[in-house]
C-alpha atoms as a PDB file:
ATOM      1  CA  MET A   1      48.015  71.091 -11.637  1.00  0.00           C
ATOM      2  CA  ARG A   2      45.231  69.967 -13.744  1.00  0.00           C
ATOM      3  CA  ASN A   3      44.852  69.790 -17.464  1.00  0.00           C
ATOM      4  CA  PRO A   4      44.507  73.327 -18.777  1.00  0.00           C
ATOM      5  CA  ALA A   5      42.480  72.243 -21.806  1.00  0.00           C
ATOM      6  CA  ILE A   6      40.106  70.197 -19.860  1.00  0.00           C
ATOM      7  CA  TYR A   7      39.530  73.465 -17.573  1.00  0.00           C
ATOM      8  CA  ALA A   8      38.962  75.685 -20.539  1.00  0.00           C
ATOM      9  CA  ILE A   9      36.379  73.422 -22.123  1.00  0.00           C
ATOM     10  CA  SER A  10      34.791  72.790 -18.861  1.00  0.00           C
ATOM     11  CA  PHE A  11      34.580  76.598 -18.344  1.00  0.00           C
ATOM     12  CA  TYR A  12      33.115  77.237 -21.954  1.00  0.00           C
ATOM     13  CA  VAL A  13      30.441  74.349 -21.363  1.00  0.00           C
ATOM     14  CA  VAL A  14      29.314  75.925 -18.010  1.00  0.00           C
ATOM     15  CA  ALA A  15      29.353  79.234 -19.624  1.00  0.00           C
ATOM     16  CA  LEU A  16      27.204  78.182 -22.465  1.00  0.00           C
ATOM     17  CA  GLY A  17      24.873  76.587 -19.855  1.00  0.00           C
ATOM     18  CA  VAL A  18      24.772  80.028 -18.311  1.00  0.00           C
ATOM     19  CA  LEU A  19      23.894  81.736 -21.425  1.00  0.00           C
ATOM     20  CA  GLY A  20      21.202  78.896 -22.427  1.00  0.00           C
ATOM     21  CA  SER A  21      19.485  78.950 -18.951  1.00  0.00           C
ATOM     22  CA  GLY A  22      19.537  83.010 -18.856  1.00  0.00           C
ATOM     23  CA  LEU A  23      17.730  82.759 -22.402  1.00  0.00           C
ATOM     24  CA  LEU A  24      15.181  80.577 -20.987  1.00  0.00           C
ATOM     25  CA  VAL A  25      14.351  82.749 -18.276  1.00  0.00           C
ATOM     26  CA  VAL A  26      13.371  85.426 -20.674  1.00  0.00           C
ATOM     27  CA  THR A  27      11.790  83.412 -23.415  1.00  0.00           C
ATOM     28  CA  LEU A  28       9.556  80.880 -21.090  1.00  0.00           C
ATOM     29  CA  ARG A  29       5.808  82.095 -21.081  1.00  0.00           C
ATOM     30  CA  ASN A  30       5.548  79.933 -17.595  1.00  0.00           C
ATOM     31  CA  VAL A  31       6.746  81.997 -14.502  1.00  0.00           C
ATOM     32  CA  VAL A  32       7.484  78.921 -12.527  1.00  0.00           C
ATOM     33  CA  ARG A  33       9.353  77.355 -15.193  1.00  0.00           C
ATOM     34  CA  ALA A  34      11.159  80.773 -15.737  1.00  0.00           C
ATOM     35  CA  ALA A  35      11.883  80.816 -11.989  1.00  0.00           C
ATOM     36  CA  LEU A  36      13.476  77.154 -12.266  1.00  0.00           C
ATOM     37  CA  ALA A  37      15.637  78.474 -15.306  1.00  0.00           C
ATOM     38  CA  LEU A  38      16.489  81.442 -13.066  1.00  0.00           C
ATOM     39  CA  ILE A  39      17.848  79.074 -10.365  1.00  0.00           C
ATOM     40  CA  ALA A  40      19.838  77.090 -12.811  1.00  0.00           C
ATOM     41  CA  THR A  41      21.619  80.298 -14.095  1.00  0.00           C
ATOM     42  CA  PHE A  42      22.570  81.334 -10.702  1.00  0.00           C
ATOM     43  CA  PHE A  43      23.600  77.867  -9.795  1.00  0.00           C
ATOM     44  CA  MET A  44      25.969  77.915 -12.950  1.00  0.00           C
ATOM     45  CA  VAL A  45      27.461  81.361 -12.463  1.00  0.00           C
ATOM     46  CA  SER A  46      28.140  80.182  -9.025  1.00  0.00           C
ATOM     47  CA  TRP A  47      30.384  77.217 -10.714  1.00  0.00           C
ATOM     48  CA  LEU A  48      31.867  79.804 -13.012  1.00  0.00           C
ATOM     49  CA  TYR A  49      33.098  81.736  -9.750  1.00  0.00           C
ATOM     50  CA  LEU A  50      34.279  78.434  -8.182  1.00  0.00           C
ATOM     51  CA  MET A  51      36.226  77.404 -11.174  1.00  0.00           C
ATOM     52  CA  MET A  52      37.976  80.929 -11.143  1.00  0.00           C
ATOM     53  CA  ASN A  53      38.754  80.259  -7.489  1.00  0.00           C
ATOM     54  CA  ALA A  54      36.716  83.376  -6.622  1.00  0.00           C
ATOM     55  CA  ASP A  55      35.618  81.550  -3.278  1.00  0.00           C
ATOM     56  CA  LEU A  56      33.905  84.364  -1.582  1.00  0.00           C
ATOM     57  CA  LEU A  57      31.803  85.171  -4.516  1.00  0.00           C
ATOM     58  CA  TRP A  58      31.200  81.441  -4.954  1.00  0.00           C
ATOM     59  CA  VAL A  59      29.542  81.017  -1.640  1.00  0.00           C
ATOM     60  CA  ALA A  60      27.763  84.372  -1.820  1.00  0.00           C
ATOM     61  CA  GLN A  61      26.271  83.610  -5.181  1.00  0.00           C
ATOM     62  CA  LEU A  62      25.447  80.024  -4.140  1.00  0.00           C
ATOM     63  CA  LEU A  63      23.690  80.979  -0.794  1.00  0.00           C
ATOM     64  CA  ILE A  64      22.181  84.407  -1.616  1.00  0.00           C
ATOM     65  CA  TYR A  65      21.299  84.077  -5.493  1.00  0.00           C
ATOM     66  CA  ALA A  66      20.780  80.304  -5.945  1.00  0.00           C
ATOM     67  CA  GLY A  67      19.276  79.647  -2.559  1.00  0.00           C
ATOM     68  CA  ALA A  68      17.349  82.895  -1.028  1.00  0.00           C
ATOM     69  CA  ILE A  69      16.153  84.960  -3.992  1.00  0.00           C
ATOM     70  CA  PRO A  70      14.732  81.915  -5.850  1.00  0.00           C
ATOM     71  CA  VAL A  71      12.764  81.060  -2.887  1.00  0.00           C
ATOM     72  CA  LEU A  72      11.648  84.841  -2.549  1.00  0.00           C
ATOM     73  CA  ILE A  73      10.449  84.627  -6.254  1.00  0.00           C
ATOM     74  CA  VAL A  74       8.473  81.591  -5.822  1.00  0.00           C
ATOM     75  CA  PHE A  75       6.949  82.921  -2.715  1.00  0.00           C
ATOM     76  CA  ALA A  76       6.041  86.129  -4.589  1.00  0.00           C
ATOM     77  CA  ILE A  77       4.783  83.922  -7.683  1.00  0.00           C
ATOM     78  CA  MET A  78       2.507  81.896  -4.956  1.00  0.00           C
ATOM     79  CA  PHE A  79       1.091  84.936  -3.607  1.00  0.00           C
ATOM     80  CA  THR A  80       0.334  86.819  -6.775  1.00  0.00           C
ATOM     81  CA  ARG A  81      -1.057  83.726  -8.675  1.00  0.00           C
ATOM     82  CA  ARG A  82      -4.626  84.496  -7.762  1.00  0.00           C
ATOM     83  CA  SER A  83      -4.421  88.219  -8.888  1.00  0.00           C
ATOM     84  CA  MET A  84      -3.229  87.104 -12.298  1.00  0.00           C
ATOM     85  CA  SER A  85      -5.802  85.945 -14.794  1.00  0.00           C
ATOM     86  CA  ASP A  86      -5.748  83.537 -17.475  1.00  0.00           C
ATOM     87  CA  ALA A  87      -7.129  86.163 -19.864  1.00  0.00           C
ATOM     88  CA  SER A  88      -4.777  88.728 -19.385  1.00  0.00           C
ATOM     89  CA  ASN A  89      -1.880  89.375 -22.095  1.00  0.00           C
ATOM     90  CA  ALA A  90       1.414  90.756 -21.058  1.00  0.00           C
ATOM     91  CA  ASP A  91       2.435  91.431 -24.305  1.00  0.00           C
ATOM     92  CA  THR A  92       2.425  95.151 -25.246  1.00  0.00           C
ATOM     93  CA  GLY A  93       3.681  95.261 -28.982  1.00  0.00           C
ATOM     94  CA  ASN A  94       6.921  96.842 -27.722  1.00  0.00           C
ATOM     95  CA  ARG A  95       9.146  93.902 -28.939  1.00  0.00           C
ATOM     96  CA  THR A  96      10.811  95.521 -31.580  1.00  0.00           C
ATOM     97  CA  TRP A  97      11.885  98.500 -29.238  1.00  0.00           C
ATOM     98  CA  ALA A  98      12.649  95.880 -26.712  1.00  0.00           C
ATOM     99  CA  ALA A  99      15.088  93.894 -29.397  1.00  0.00           C
ATOM    100  CA  LEU A 100      16.665  97.204 -30.642  1.00  0.00           C
ATOM    101  CA  ILE A 101      17.543  98.365 -27.186  1.00  0.00           C
ATOM    102  CA  ALA A 102      18.678  94.606 -26.229  1.00  0.00           C
ATOM    103  CA  MET A 103      20.899  94.663 -29.390  1.00  0.00           C
ATOM    104  CA  ALA A 104      22.266  98.080 -28.465  1.00  0.00           C
ATOM    105  CA  VAL A 105      23.207  96.934 -24.841  1.00  0.00           C
ATOM    106  CA  LEU A 106      24.621  94.044 -26.656  1.00  0.00           C
ATOM    107  CA  GLY A 107      26.878  95.857 -28.947  1.00  0.00           C
ATOM    108  CA  LEU A 108      28.122  98.226 -26.010  1.00  0.00           C
ATOM    109  CA  LEU A 109      28.971  95.163 -23.866  1.00  0.00           C
ATOM    110  CA  LEU A 110      31.076  93.532 -26.712  1.00  0.00           C
ATOM    111  CA  ALA A 111      32.811  96.788 -27.528  1.00  0.00           C
ATOM    112  CA  VAL A 112      33.955  97.160 -23.950  1.00  0.00           C
ATOM    113  CA  LEU A 113      34.616  93.288 -23.122  1.00  0.00           C
ATOM    114  CA  LEU A 114      36.137  92.191 -26.381  1.00  0.00           C
ATOM    115  CA  PRO A 115      39.252  94.573 -26.438  1.00  0.00           C
ATOM    116  CA  ALA A 116      39.994  93.476 -22.647  1.00  0.00           C
ATOM    117  CA  ARG A 117      42.912  90.955 -21.763  1.00  0.00           C
ATOM    118  CA  TRP A 118      41.109  88.012 -19.947  1.00  0.00           C
ATOM    119  CA  HIS A 119      43.211  85.054 -18.345  1.00  0.00           C
ATOM    120  CA  LEU A 120      41.755  82.380 -16.326  1.00  0.00           C
ATOM    121  CA  ALA A 121      43.317  81.303 -12.963  1.00  0.00           C
ATOM    122  CA  PRO A 122      44.787  77.797 -13.388  1.00  0.00           C
ATOM    123  CA  TRP A 123      42.725  75.274 -11.586  1.00  0.00           C
ATOM    124  CA  PRO A 124      43.252  75.443  -8.530  1.00  0.00           C
ATOM    125  CA  GLY A 125      46.373  77.181  -8.859  1.00  0.00           C
ATOM    126  CA  LEU A 126      46.109  80.629  -7.172  1.00  0.00           C
ATOM    127  CA  ALA A 127      44.785  81.326  -3.457  1.00  0.00           C
ATOM    128  CA  GLY A 128      41.248  82.040  -3.097  1.00  0.00           C
ATOM    129  CA  THR A 129      39.684  85.767  -3.218  1.00  0.00           C
ATOM    130  CA  THR A 130      38.436  85.939   0.468  1.00  0.00           C
ATOM    131  CA  VAL A 131      41.810  87.145   1.943  1.00  0.00           C
ATOM    132  CA  THR A 132      42.555  89.649  -0.994  1.00  0.00           C
ATOM    133  CA  LEU A 133      38.990  90.819  -0.988  1.00  0.00           C
ATOM    134  CA  GLY A 134      38.914  91.291   3.063  1.00  0.00           C
ATOM    135  CA  LYS A 135      42.371  93.154   2.959  1.00  0.00           C
ATOM    136  CA  ALA A 136      40.987  95.464   0.084  1.00  0.00           C
ATOM    137  CA  LEU A 137      37.833  96.287   1.822  1.00  0.00           C
ATOM    138  CA  VAL A 138      39.310  97.053   5.287  1.00  0.00           C
ATOM    139  CA  GLN A 139      42.880  98.383   4.156  1.00  0.00           C
ATOM    140  CA  THR A 140      42.610 100.047   0.617  1.00  0.00           C
ATOM    141  CA  TYR A 141      38.842 100.778   0.225  1.00  0.00           C
ATOM    142  CA  VAL A 142      37.714 101.376   3.898  1.00  0.00           C
ATOM    143  CA  VAL A 143      36.180 104.914   3.237  1.00  0.00           C
ATOM    144  CA  PRO A 144      34.371 104.044  -0.097  1.00  0.00           C
ATOM    145  CA  PHE A 145      33.082 100.752   1.664  1.00  0.00           C
ATOM    146  CA  GLU A 146      31.686 102.809   4.646  1.00  0.00           C
ATOM    147  CA  VAL A 147      30.008 105.609   2.451  1.00  0.00           C
ATOM    148  CA  VAL A 148      28.147 102.749   0.572  1.00  0.00           C
ATOM    149  CA  SER A 149      27.058 101.045   3.886  1.00  0.00           C
ATOM    150  CA  VAL A 150      25.669 104.375   5.099  1.00  0.00           C
ATOM    151  CA  LEU A 151      24.005 105.361   1.701  1.00  0.00           C
ATOM    152  CA  LEU A 152      22.389 101.774   1.829  1.00  0.00           C
ATOM    153  CA  LEU A 153      21.227 102.475   5.440  1.00  0.00           C
ATOM    154  CA  ILE A 154      19.780 105.849   4.357  1.00  0.00           C
ATOM    155  CA  GLY A 155      17.922 104.167   1.464  1.00  0.00           C
ATOM    156  CA  LEU A 156      16.735 101.465   3.798  1.00  0.00           C
ATOM    157  CA  ILE A 157      15.399 104.063   6.286  1.00  0.00           C
ATOM    158  CA  GLY A 158      13.912 105.915   3.325  1.00  0.00           C
ATOM    159  CA  ALA A 159      11.973 102.995   2.150  1.00  0.00           C
ATOM    160  CA  VAL A 160      10.512 102.081   5.632  1.00  0.00           C
ATOM    161  CA  VAL A 161       9.292 105.708   6.193  1.00  0.00           C
ATOM    162  CA  LEU A 162       7.891 105.705   2.523  1.00  0.00           C
ATOM    163  CA  ALA A 163       6.066 102.399   3.328  1.00  0.00           C
ATOM    164  CA  ARG A 164       4.737 103.558   6.707  1.00  0.00           C
ATOM    165  CA  GLN A 165       3.372 106.619   4.901  1.00  0.00           C
ATOM    166  CA  ASP A 166       1.306 104.664   2.437  1.00  0.00           C
ATOM    167  CA  ASP A 167      -0.044 102.336   5.320  1.00  0.00           C
ATOM    168  CA  SER A 168      -1.278 105.432   6.938  1.00  0.00           C
ATOM    169  CA  ARG A 169      -3.493 106.395   3.922  1.00  0.00           C
END
């Protein structure tokens, strides 16, 4: 078993990295740099999952969010770059309202998260979450899992139908 003090320090350093890169995502004015900060945020979140022995979440976060989603965002930036003009200004003057709403959401999150009891899994003590999550999905929560999958399928079919109706106009 590793030194818990070193583990805790490294956990908090990575967590501060997540917060810092997340702050860069919303404050950078250059869209490409904000996308790179988003990639860094997703990568560090996956590192946090790895440190908490959530191996399934770690792999999903790394492959999907730190890999595929940023590529999609960069392609969207590349394809829409011509439609943006340098003279356009995205600032709408709603910064005060946005700051107030953000502070209210932060207050709500702190009110919920601070009283909770948090414990970190020892590094690399406990078994991973893949087996536990798999058993929960196919034994305990099989009906809600199937209901959610059917709802997602219905939403996908609805999106295709709506997209086809827009093409026919």
